[in-house]
Full PDB file with SEQRES, HELIX, SHEET, SSBOND, CRYST1, ORIGX, SCALE, CONECT and MASTER records, all heavy atoms in Angstrom:
SEQRES   1 A   36  GLY ASP VAL ALA TYR ASP GLY HIS GLY ASN GLY VAL PHE          
SEQRES   2 A   36  THR LYS ALA VAL ILE GLU GLY LEU GLN CYS ARG ALA ALA          
SEQRES   3 A   36  LYS SER VAL GLY THR VAL THR PRO TYR THR                      
HELIX    1 AA1 VAL A   12  GLU A   19  1                                   8    
HELIX    2 AA2 GLY A   20  ARG A   24  3                                   5    
CRYST1    1.000    1.000    1.000  90.00  90.00  90.00 P 1           1          
ORIGX1      1.000000  0.000000  0.000000        0.00000                         
ORIGX2      0.000000  1.000000  0.000000        0.00000                         
ORIGX3      0.000000  0.000000  1.000000        0.00000                         
SCALE1      1.000000  0.000000  0.000000        0.00000                         
SCALE2      0.000000  1.000000  0.000000        0.00000                         
SCALE3      0.000000  0.000000  1.000000        0.00000                         
ATOM      1  N   GLY A   1       2.755  12.961   4.618  1.00  0.00           N  
ATOM      2  CA  GLY A   1       3.646  13.963   4.093  1.00  0.00           C  
ATOM      3  C   GLY A   1       5.104  13.723   4.342  1.00  0.00           C  
ATOM      4  O   GLY A   1       5.533  12.615   4.610  1.00  0.00           O  
ATOM      5  N   ASP A   2       5.872  14.803   4.277  1.00  0.00           N  
ATOM      6  CA  ASP A   2       7.320  14.731   4.314  1.00  0.00           C  
ATOM      7  C   ASP A   2       7.828  14.081   5.589  1.00  0.00           C  
ATOM      8  O   ASP A   2       8.783  13.331   5.576  1.00  0.00           O  
ATOM      9  CB  ASP A   2       7.899  16.137   4.174  1.00  0.00           C  
ATOM     10  CG  ASP A   2       9.407  16.146   4.174  1.00  0.00           C  
ATOM     11  OD1 ASP A   2       9.980  15.381   3.392  1.00  0.00           O  
ATOM     12  OD2 ASP A   2       9.993  16.902   4.958  1.00  0.00           O  
ATOM     13  N   VAL A   3       7.219  14.397   6.715  1.00  0.00           N  
ATOM     14  CA  VAL A   3       7.635  13.720   7.938  1.00  0.00           C  
ATOM     15  C   VAL A   3       6.913  12.394   8.102  1.00  0.00           C  
ATOM     16  O   VAL A   3       7.200  11.642   9.011  1.00  0.00           O  
ATOM     17  CB  VAL A   3       7.381  14.599   9.184  1.00  0.00           C  
ATOM     18  CG1 VAL A   3       8.187  15.867   9.111  1.00  0.00           C  
ATOM     19  CG2 VAL A   3       5.908  14.908   9.359  1.00  0.00           C  
ATOM     20  N   ALA A   4       5.948  12.112   7.230  1.00  0.00           N  
ATOM     21  CA  ALA A   4       5.187  10.872   7.314  1.00  0.00           C  
ATOM     22  C   ALA A   4       5.885   9.756   6.547  1.00  0.00           C  
ATOM     23  O   ALA A   4       5.407   9.245   5.564  1.00  0.00           O  
ATOM     24  CB  ALA A   4       3.764  11.071   6.788  1.00  0.00           C  
ATOM     25  N   TYR A   5       7.070   9.391   7.013  1.00  0.00           N  
ATOM     26  CA  TYR A   5       7.753   8.222   6.521  1.00  0.00           C  
ATOM     27  C   TYR A   5       8.469   7.620   7.721  1.00  0.00           C  
ATOM     28  O   TYR A   5       8.769   8.304   8.695  1.00  0.00           O  
ATOM     29  CB  TYR A   5       8.732   8.562   5.391  1.00  0.00           C  
ATOM     30  CG  TYR A   5       9.803   9.555   5.771  1.00  0.00           C  
ATOM     31  CD1 TYR A   5      10.980   9.141   6.374  1.00  0.00           C  
ATOM     32  CD2 TYR A   5       9.630  10.912   5.538  1.00  0.00           C  
ATOM     33  CE1 TYR A   5      11.959  10.046   6.738  1.00  0.00           C  
ATOM     34  CE2 TYR A   5      10.603  11.831   5.887  1.00  0.00           C  
ATOM     35  CZ  TYR A   5      11.767  11.379   6.486  1.00  0.00           C  
ATOM     36  OH  TYR A   5      12.733  12.283   6.840  1.00  0.00           O  
ATOM     37  N   ASP A   6       8.721   6.317   7.651  1.00  0.00           N  
ATOM     38  CA  ASP A   6       9.280   5.679   8.836  1.00  0.00           C  
ATOM     39  C   ASP A   6      10.441   4.759   8.501  1.00  0.00           C  
ATOM     40  O   ASP A   6      10.567   3.676   9.034  1.00  0.00           O  
ATOM     41  CB  ASP A   6       8.200   4.909   9.605  1.00  0.00           C  
ATOM     42  CG  ASP A   6       7.372   4.012   8.709  1.00  0.00           C  
ATOM     43  OD1 ASP A   6       7.718   3.884   7.521  1.00  0.00           O  
ATOM     44  OD2 ASP A   6       6.402   3.424   9.204  1.00  0.00           O  
ATOM     45  N   GLY A   7      11.305   5.225   7.606  1.00  0.00           N  
ATOM     46  CA  GLY A   7      12.548   4.519   7.363  1.00  0.00           C  
ATOM     47  C   GLY A   7      12.527   3.510   6.240  1.00  0.00           C  
ATOM     48  O   GLY A   7      13.524   2.830   5.995  1.00  0.00           O  
ATOM     49  N   HIS A   8      11.422   3.402   5.510  1.00  0.00           N  
ATOM     50  CA  HIS A   8      11.348   2.422   4.440  1.00  0.00           C  
ATOM     51  C   HIS A   8      11.655   3.020   3.073  1.00  0.00           C  
ATOM     52  O   HIS A   8      11.654   2.305   2.077  1.00  0.00           O  
ATOM     53  CB  HIS A   8       9.957   1.779   4.408  1.00  0.00           C  
ATOM     54  CG  HIS A   8       9.595   1.069   5.672  1.00  0.00           C  
ATOM     55  ND1 HIS A   8      10.345   0.029   6.174  1.00  0.00           N  
ATOM     56  CD2 HIS A   8       8.586   1.260   6.555  1.00  0.00           C  
ATOM     57  CE1 HIS A   8       9.803  -0.397   7.300  1.00  0.00           C  
ATOM     58  NE2 HIS A   8       8.746   0.338   7.566  1.00  0.00           N  
ATOM     59  N   GLY A   9      11.902   4.313   3.004  1.00  0.00           N  
ATOM     60  CA  GLY A   9      12.270   4.915   1.731  1.00  0.00           C  
ATOM     61  C   GLY A   9      11.105   5.344   0.875  1.00  0.00           C  
ATOM     62  O   GLY A   9      11.269   5.566  -0.329  1.00  0.00           O  
ATOM     63  N   ASN A  10       9.927   5.464   1.459  1.00  0.00           N  
ATOM     64  CA  ASN A  10       8.748   5.985   0.762  1.00  0.00           C  
ATOM     65  C   ASN A  10       7.910   6.783   1.744  1.00  0.00           C  
ATOM     66  O   ASN A  10       7.981   6.571   2.956  1.00  0.00           O  
ATOM     67  CB  ASN A  10       7.879   4.852   0.194  1.00  0.00           C  
ATOM     68  CG  ASN A  10       8.534   4.100  -0.937  1.00  0.00           C  
ATOM     69  OD1 ASN A  10       8.969   2.979  -0.769  1.00  0.00           O  
ATOM     70  ND2 ASN A  10       8.618   4.709  -2.104  1.00  0.00           N  
ATOM     71  N   GLY A  11       7.076   7.701   1.210  1.00  0.00           N  
ATOM     72  CA  GLY A  11       6.081   8.330   2.041  1.00  0.00           C  
ATOM     73  C   GLY A  11       5.091   7.282   2.532  1.00  0.00           C  
ATOM     74  O   GLY A  11       4.926   6.224   1.918  1.00  0.00           O  
ATOM     75  N   VAL A  12       4.447   7.560   3.642  1.00  0.00           N  
ATOM     76  CA  VAL A  12       3.529   6.581   4.228  1.00  0.00           C  
ATOM     77  C   VAL A  12       2.393   6.223   3.271  1.00  0.00           C  
ATOM     78  O   VAL A  12       2.019   5.061   3.133  1.00  0.00           O  
ATOM     79  CB  VAL A  12       2.967   7.115   5.564  1.00  0.00           C  
ATOM     80  CG1 VAL A  12       1.828   6.256   6.060  1.00  0.00           C  
ATOM     81  CG2 VAL A  12       4.071   7.165   6.609  1.00  0.00           C  
ATOM     82  N   PHE A  13       1.843   7.227   2.581  1.00  0.00           N  
ATOM     83  CA  PHE A  13       0.754   6.985   1.643  1.00  0.00           C  
ATOM     84  C   PHE A  13       1.212   6.060   0.517  1.00  0.00           C  
ATOM     85  O   PHE A  13       0.577   5.036   0.226  1.00  0.00           O  
ATOM     86  CB  PHE A  13       0.257   8.322   1.082  1.00  0.00           C  
ATOM     87  CG  PHE A  13      -0.771   8.202  -0.014  1.00  0.00           C  
ATOM     88  CD1 PHE A  13      -2.088   7.947   0.278  1.00  0.00           C  
ATOM     89  CD2 PHE A  13      -0.409   8.353  -1.350  1.00  0.00           C  
ATOM     90  CE1 PHE A  13      -3.050   7.847  -0.730  1.00  0.00           C  
ATOM     91  CE2 PHE A  13      -1.339   8.262  -2.366  1.00  0.00           C  
ATOM     92  CZ  PHE A  13      -2.664   8.006  -2.054  1.00  0.00           C  
ATOM     93  N   THR A  14       2.329   6.402  -0.139  1.00  0.00           N  
ATOM     94  CA  THR A  14       2.813   5.593  -1.251  1.00  0.00           C  
ATOM     95  C   THR A  14       3.232   4.205  -0.785  1.00  0.00           C  
ATOM     96  O   THR A  14       3.003   3.213  -1.477  1.00  0.00           O  
ATOM     97  CB  THR A  14       3.982   6.288  -1.963  1.00  0.00           C  
ATOM     98  OG1 THR A  14       3.535   7.539  -2.468  1.00  0.00           O  
ATOM     99  CG2 THR A  14       4.514   5.441  -3.110  1.00  0.00           C  
ATOM    100  N   LYS A  15       3.848   4.125   0.373  1.00  0.00           N  
ATOM    101  CA  LYS A  15       4.224   2.821   0.915  1.00  0.00           C  
ATOM    102  C   LYS A  15       2.994   1.925   1.050  1.00  0.00           C  
ATOM    103  O   LYS A  15       3.023   0.733   0.710  1.00  0.00           O  
ATOM    104  CB  LYS A  15       4.898   2.997   2.272  1.00  0.00           C  
ATOM    105  CG  LYS A  15       5.197   1.700   3.012  1.00  0.00           C  
ATOM    106  CD  LYS A  15       5.937   2.001   4.295  1.00  0.00           C  
ATOM    107  CE  LYS A  15       6.128   0.749   5.143  1.00  0.00           C  
ATOM    108  NZ  LYS A  15       4.893   0.345   5.824  1.00  0.00           N  
ATOM    109  N   ALA A  16       1.880   2.488   1.539  1.00  0.00           N  
ATOM    110  CA  ALA A  16       0.654   1.706   1.690  1.00  0.00           C  
ATOM    111  C   ALA A  16       0.089   1.310   0.331  1.00  0.00           C  
ATOM    112  O   ALA A  16      -0.426   0.197   0.163  1.00  0.00           O  
ATOM    113  CB  ALA A  16      -0.377   2.504   2.484  1.00  0.00           C  
ATOM    114  N   VAL A  17       0.168   2.203  -0.664  1.00  0.00           N  
ATOM    115  CA  VAL A  17      -0.297   1.879  -2.014  1.00  0.00           C  
ATOM    116  C   VAL A  17       0.498   0.712  -2.580  1.00  0.00           C  
ATOM    117  O   VAL A  17      -0.062  -0.243  -3.141  1.00  0.00           O  
ATOM    118  CB  VAL A  17      -0.182   3.112  -2.942  1.00  0.00           C  
ATOM    119  CG1 VAL A  17      -0.425   2.707  -4.400  1.00  0.00           C  
ATOM    120  CG2 VAL A  17      -1.178   4.185  -2.529  1.00  0.00           C  
ATOM    121  N   ILE A  18       1.834   0.769  -2.435  1.00  0.00           N  
ATOM    122  CA  ILE A  18       2.686  -0.296  -2.953  1.00  0.00           C  
ATOM    123  C   ILE A  18       2.370  -1.621  -2.269  1.00  0.00           C  
ATOM    124  O   ILE A  18       2.203  -2.657  -2.925  1.00  0.00           O  
ATOM    125  CB  ILE A  18       4.168   0.077  -2.770  1.00  0.00           C  
ATOM    126  CG1 ILE A  18       4.534   1.240  -3.700  1.00  0.00           C  
ATOM    127  CG2 ILE A  18       5.070  -1.121  -3.044  1.00  0.00           C  
ATOM    128  CD1 ILE A  18       5.916   1.802  -3.468  1.00  0.00           C  
ATOM    129  N   GLU A  19       2.276  -1.607  -0.948  1.00  0.00           N  
ATOM    130  CA  GLU A  19       1.964  -2.836  -0.221  1.00  0.00           C  
ATOM    131  C   GLU A  19       0.609  -3.395  -0.640  1.00  0.00           C  
ATOM    132  O   GLU A  19       0.446  -4.605  -0.817  1.00  0.00           O  
ATOM    133  CB  GLU A  19       1.976  -2.578   1.281  1.00  0.00           C  
ATOM    134  CG  GLU A  19       3.347  -2.354   1.874  1.00  0.00           C  
ATOM    135  CD  GLU A  19       3.294  -2.133   3.375  1.00  0.00           C  
ATOM    136  OE1 GLU A  19       2.186  -1.884   3.908  1.00  0.00           O  
ATOM    137  OE2 GLU A  19       4.353  -2.199   4.011  1.00  0.00           O  
ATOM    138  N   GLY A  20      -0.365  -2.506  -0.787  1.00  0.00           N  
ATOM    139  CA  GLY A  20      -1.693  -2.956  -1.187  1.00  0.00           C  
ATOM    140  C   GLY A  20      -1.693  -3.613  -2.550  1.00  0.00           C  
ATOM    141  O   GLY A  20      -2.295  -4.679  -2.751  1.00  0.00           O  
ATOM    142  N   LEU A  21      -1.003  -2.992  -3.521  1.00  0.00           N  
ATOM    143  CA  LEU A  21      -0.928  -3.562  -4.869  1.00  0.00           C  
ATOM    144  C   LEU A  21      -0.141  -4.859  -4.898  1.00  0.00           C  
ATOM    145  O   LEU A  21      -0.358  -5.716  -5.762  1.00  0.00           O  
ATOM    146  CB  LEU A  21      -0.297  -2.548  -5.824  1.00  0.00           C  
ATOM    147  CG  LEU A  21      -1.166  -1.342  -6.183  1.00  0.00           C  
ATOM    148  CD1 LEU A  21      -0.342  -0.279  -6.890  1.00  0.00           C  
ATOM    149  CD2 LEU A  21      -2.342  -1.767  -7.067  1.00  0.00           C  
ATOM    150  N   GLN A  22       0.789  -5.016  -3.946  1.00  0.00           N  
ATOM    151  CA  GLN A  22       1.565  -6.250  -3.866  1.00  0.00           C  
ATOM    152  C   GLN A  22       0.848  -7.312  -3.046  1.00  0.00           C  
ATOM    153  O   GLN A  22       1.471  -8.169  -2.452  1.00  0.00           O  
ATOM    154  CB  GLN A  22       2.947  -5.951  -3.273  1.00  0.00           C  
ATOM    155  CG  GLN A  22       3.845  -5.163  -4.210  1.00  0.00           C  
ATOM    156  CD  GLN A  22       5.179  -4.819  -3.590  1.00  0.00           C  
ATOM    157  OE1 GLN A  22       5.274  -4.605  -2.378  1.00  0.00           O  
ATOM    158  NE2 GLN A  22       6.210  -4.747  -4.408  1.00  0.00           N  
ATOM    159  N   CYS A  23      -0.463  -7.232  -3.027  1.00  0.00           N  
ATOM    160  CA  CYS A  23      -1.361  -8.284  -2.534  1.00  0.00           C  
ATOM    161  C   CYS A  23      -1.809  -8.140  -1.095  1.00  0.00           C  
ATOM    162  O   CYS A  23      -2.621  -8.937  -0.623  1.00  0.00           O  
ATOM    163  CB  CYS A  23      -0.769  -9.672  -2.753  1.00  0.00           C  
ATOM    164  SG  CYS A  23      -0.519 -10.038  -4.503  1.00  0.00           S  
ATOM    165  N   ARG A  24      -1.345  -7.117  -0.363  1.00  0.00           N  
ATOM    166  CA  ARG A  24      -1.885  -6.915   0.981  1.00  0.00           C  
ATOM    167  C   ARG A  24      -3.366  -6.523   0.922  1.00  0.00           C  
ATOM    168  O   ARG A  24      -4.096  -6.728   1.886  1.00  0.00           O  
ATOM    169  CB  ARG A  24      -1.099  -5.815   1.694  1.00  0.00           C  
ATOM    170  CG  ARG A  24       0.351  -6.156   1.980  1.00  0.00           C  
ATOM    171  CD  ARG A  24       0.482  -7.155   3.114  1.00  0.00           C  
ATOM    172  NE  ARG A  24       1.876  -7.355   3.489  1.00  0.00           N  
ATOM    173  CZ  ARG A  24       2.510  -6.627   4.386  1.00  0.00           C  
ATOM    174  NH1 ARG A  24       1.874  -5.660   5.021  1.00  0.00           N  
ATOM    175  NH2 ARG A  24       3.772  -6.857   4.673  1.00  0.00           N  
ATOM    176  N   ALA A  25      -3.798  -5.936  -0.197  1.00  0.00           N  
ATOM    177  CA  ALA A  25      -5.183  -5.482  -0.321  1.00  0.00           C  
ATOM    178  C   ALA A  25      -6.028  -6.438  -1.148  1.00  0.00           C  
ATOM    179  O   ALA A  25      -7.106  -6.068  -1.616  1.00  0.00           O  
ATOM    180  CB  ALA A  25      -5.221  -4.084  -0.955  1.00  0.00           C  
ATOM    181  N   ALA A  26      -5.547  -7.662  -1.330  1.00  0.00           N  
ATOM    182  CA  ALA A  26      -6.266  -8.606  -2.180  1.00  0.00           C  
ATOM    183  C   ALA A  26      -7.535  -9.125  -1.520  1.00  0.00           C  
ATOM    184  O   ALA A  26      -7.601  -9.301  -0.305  1.00  0.00           O  
ATOM    185  CB  ALA A  26      -5.357  -9.776  -2.541  1.00  0.00           C  
ATOM    186  N   LYS A  27      -8.564  -9.357  -2.345  1.00  0.00           N  
ATOM    187  CA  LYS A  27      -9.784 -10.002  -1.886  1.00  0.00           C  
ATOM    188  C   LYS A  27      -9.532 -11.502  -1.746  1.00  0.00           C  
ATOM    189  O   LYS A  27      -8.470 -12.012  -2.077  1.00  0.00           O  
ATOM    190  CB  LYS A  27     -10.917  -9.755  -2.887  1.00  0.00           C  
ATOM    191  CG  LYS A  27     -11.276  -8.294  -3.067  1.00  0.00           C  
ATOM    192  CD  LYS A  27     -12.591  -8.135  -3.814  1.00  0.00           C  
ATOM    193  CE  LYS A  27     -12.505  -8.682  -5.227  1.00  0.00           C  
ATOM    194  NZ  LYS A  27     -13.749  -8.426  -5.986  1.00  0.00           N  
ATOM    195  N   SER A  28     -10.540 -12.217  -1.270  1.00  0.00           N  
ATOM    196  CA  SER A  28     -10.384 -13.653  -1.054  1.00  0.00           C  
ATOM    197  C   SER A  28     -10.092 -14.403  -2.346  1.00  0.00           C  
ATOM    198  O   SER A  28      -9.471 -15.467  -2.332  1.00  0.00           O  
ATOM    199  CB  SER A  28     -11.641 -14.217  -0.397  1.00  0.00           C  
ATOM    200  OG  SER A  28     -12.782 -13.978  -1.202  1.00  0.00           O  
ATOM    201  N   VAL A  29     -10.514 -13.850  -3.483  1.00  0.00           N  
ATOM    202  CA  VAL A  29     -10.252 -14.506  -4.764  1.00  0.00           C  
ATOM    203  C   VAL A  29      -8.887 -14.117  -5.313  1.00  0.00           C  
ATOM    204  O   VAL A  29      -8.495 -14.565  -6.389  1.00  0.00           O  
ATOM    205  CB  VAL A  29     -11.348 -14.150  -5.792  1.00  0.00           C  
ATOM    206  CG1 VAL A  29     -12.676 -14.718  -5.356  1.00  0.00           C  
ATOM    207  CG2 VAL A  29     -11.441 -12.641  -6.000  1.00  0.00           C  
ATOM    208  N   GLY A  30      -8.155 -13.284  -4.585  1.00  0.00           N  
ATOM    209  CA  GLY A  30      -6.795 -12.964  -4.990  1.00  0.00           C  
ATOM    210  C   GLY A  30      -6.644 -11.759  -5.879  1.00  0.00           C  
ATOM    211  O   GLY A  30      -5.592 -11.578  -6.503  1.00  0.00           O  
ATOM    212  N   THR A  31      -7.638 -10.868  -5.933  1.00  0.00           N  
ATOM    213  CA  THR A  31      -7.580  -9.699  -6.790  1.00  0.00           C  
ATOM    214  C   THR A  31      -7.583  -8.417  -5.963  1.00  0.00           C  
ATOM    215  O   THR A  31      -8.359  -8.288  -5.011  1.00  0.00           O  
ATOM    216  CB  THR A  31      -8.776  -9.669  -7.764  1.00  0.00           C  
ATOM    217  OG1 THR A  31      -8.790 -10.868  -8.536  1.00  0.00           O  
ATOM    218  CG2 THR A  31      -8.680  -8.476  -8.714  1.00  0.00           C  
ATOM    219  N   VAL A  32      -6.715  -7.484  -6.322  1.00  0.00           N  
ATOM    220  CA  VAL A  32      -6.733  -6.144  -5.733  1.00  0.00           C  
ATOM    221  C   VAL A  32      -7.554  -5.238  -6.628  1.00  0.00           C  
ATOM    222  O   VAL A  32      -7.347  -5.190  -7.844  1.00  0.00           O  
ATOM    223  CB  VAL A  32      -5.312  -5.576  -5.583  1.00  0.00           C  
ATOM    224  CG1 VAL A  32      -5.361  -4.155  -5.028  1.00  0.00           C  
ATOM    225  CG2 VAL A  32      -4.466  -6.461  -4.686  1.00  0.00           C  
ATOM    226  N   THR A  33      -8.506  -4.523  -6.059  1.00  0.00           N  
ATOM    227  CA  THR A  33      -9.347  -3.595  -6.800  1.00  0.00           C  
ATOM    228  C   THR A  33      -9.187  -2.191  -6.206  1.00  0.00           C  
ATOM    229  O   THR A  33      -8.643  -2.042  -5.107  1.00  0.00           O  
ATOM    230  CB  THR A  33     -10.824  -4.015  -6.706  1.00  0.00           C  
ATOM    231  OG1 THR A  33     -11.262  -3.840  -5.347  1.00  0.00           O  
ATOM    232  CG2 THR A  33     -11.017  -5.467  -7.136  1.00  0.00           C  
ATOM    233  N   PRO A  34      -9.645  -1.143  -6.906  1.00  0.00           N  
ATOM    234  CA  PRO A  34      -9.585   0.192  -6.308  1.00  0.00           C  
ATOM    235  C   PRO A  34     -10.264   0.268  -4.950  1.00  0.00           C  
ATOM    236  O   PRO A  34      -9.783   0.965  -4.053  1.00  0.00           O  
ATOM    237  CB  PRO A  34     -10.306   1.062  -7.343  1.00  0.00           C  
ATOM    238  CG  PRO A  34     -10.039   0.394  -8.638  1.00  0.00           C  
ATOM    239  CD  PRO A  34     -10.091  -1.085  -8.322  1.00  0.00           C  
ATOM    240  N   TYR A  35     -11.351  -0.459  -4.772  1.00  0.00           N  
ATOM    241  CA  TYR A  35     -12.049  -0.421  -3.490  1.00  0.00           C  
ATOM    242  C   TYR A  35     -11.208  -1.067  -2.385  1.00  0.00           C  
ATOM    243  O   TYR A  35     -11.029  -0.484  -1.309  1.00  0.00           O  
ATOM    244  CB  TYR A  35     -13.402  -1.134  -3.604  1.00  0.00           C  
ATOM    245  CG  TYR A  35     -14.131  -1.230  -2.278  1.00  0.00           C  
ATOM    246  CD1 TYR A  35     -14.765  -0.120  -1.728  1.00  0.00           C  
ATOM    247  CD2 TYR A  35     -14.163  -2.431  -1.573  1.00  0.00           C  
ATOM    248  CE1 TYR A  35     -15.415  -0.196  -0.503  1.00  0.00           C  
ATOM    249  CE2 TYR A  35     -14.820  -2.520  -0.357  1.00  0.00           C  
ATOM    250  CZ  TYR A  35     -15.444  -1.395   0.176  1.00  0.00           C  
ATOM    251  OH  TYR A  35     -16.073  -1.480   1.391  1.00  0.00           O  
ATOM    252  N   THR A  36     -10.688  -2.278  -2.636  1.00  0.00           N  
ATOM    253  CA  THR A  36      -9.885  -2.943  -1.597  1.00  0.00           C  
ATOM    254  C   THR A  36      -8.579  -2.194  -1.362  1.00  0.00           C  
ATOM    255  O   THR A  36      -8.089  -2.134  -0.228  1.00  0.00           O  
ATOM    256  CB  THR A  36      -9.588  -4.402  -1.969  1.00  0.00           C  
ATOM    257  OG1 THR A  36      -8.774  -4.465  -3.148  1.00  0.00           O  
ATOM    258  CG2 THR A  36     -10.874  -5.173  -2.188  1.00  0.00           C  
TER     259      THR A  36                                                      
MASTER        0    0    0    2    0    0    0    6  258    1    0    3          
END                                                                             
């Protein structure tokens, strides 16, 4: 939530979504899926 941010300019949830889509959540074959 609103206090759940740590200086990166996004909420913690959205920050994690962005990082995940930018390949932090990729499988070994290099694909990000809803599950990963």
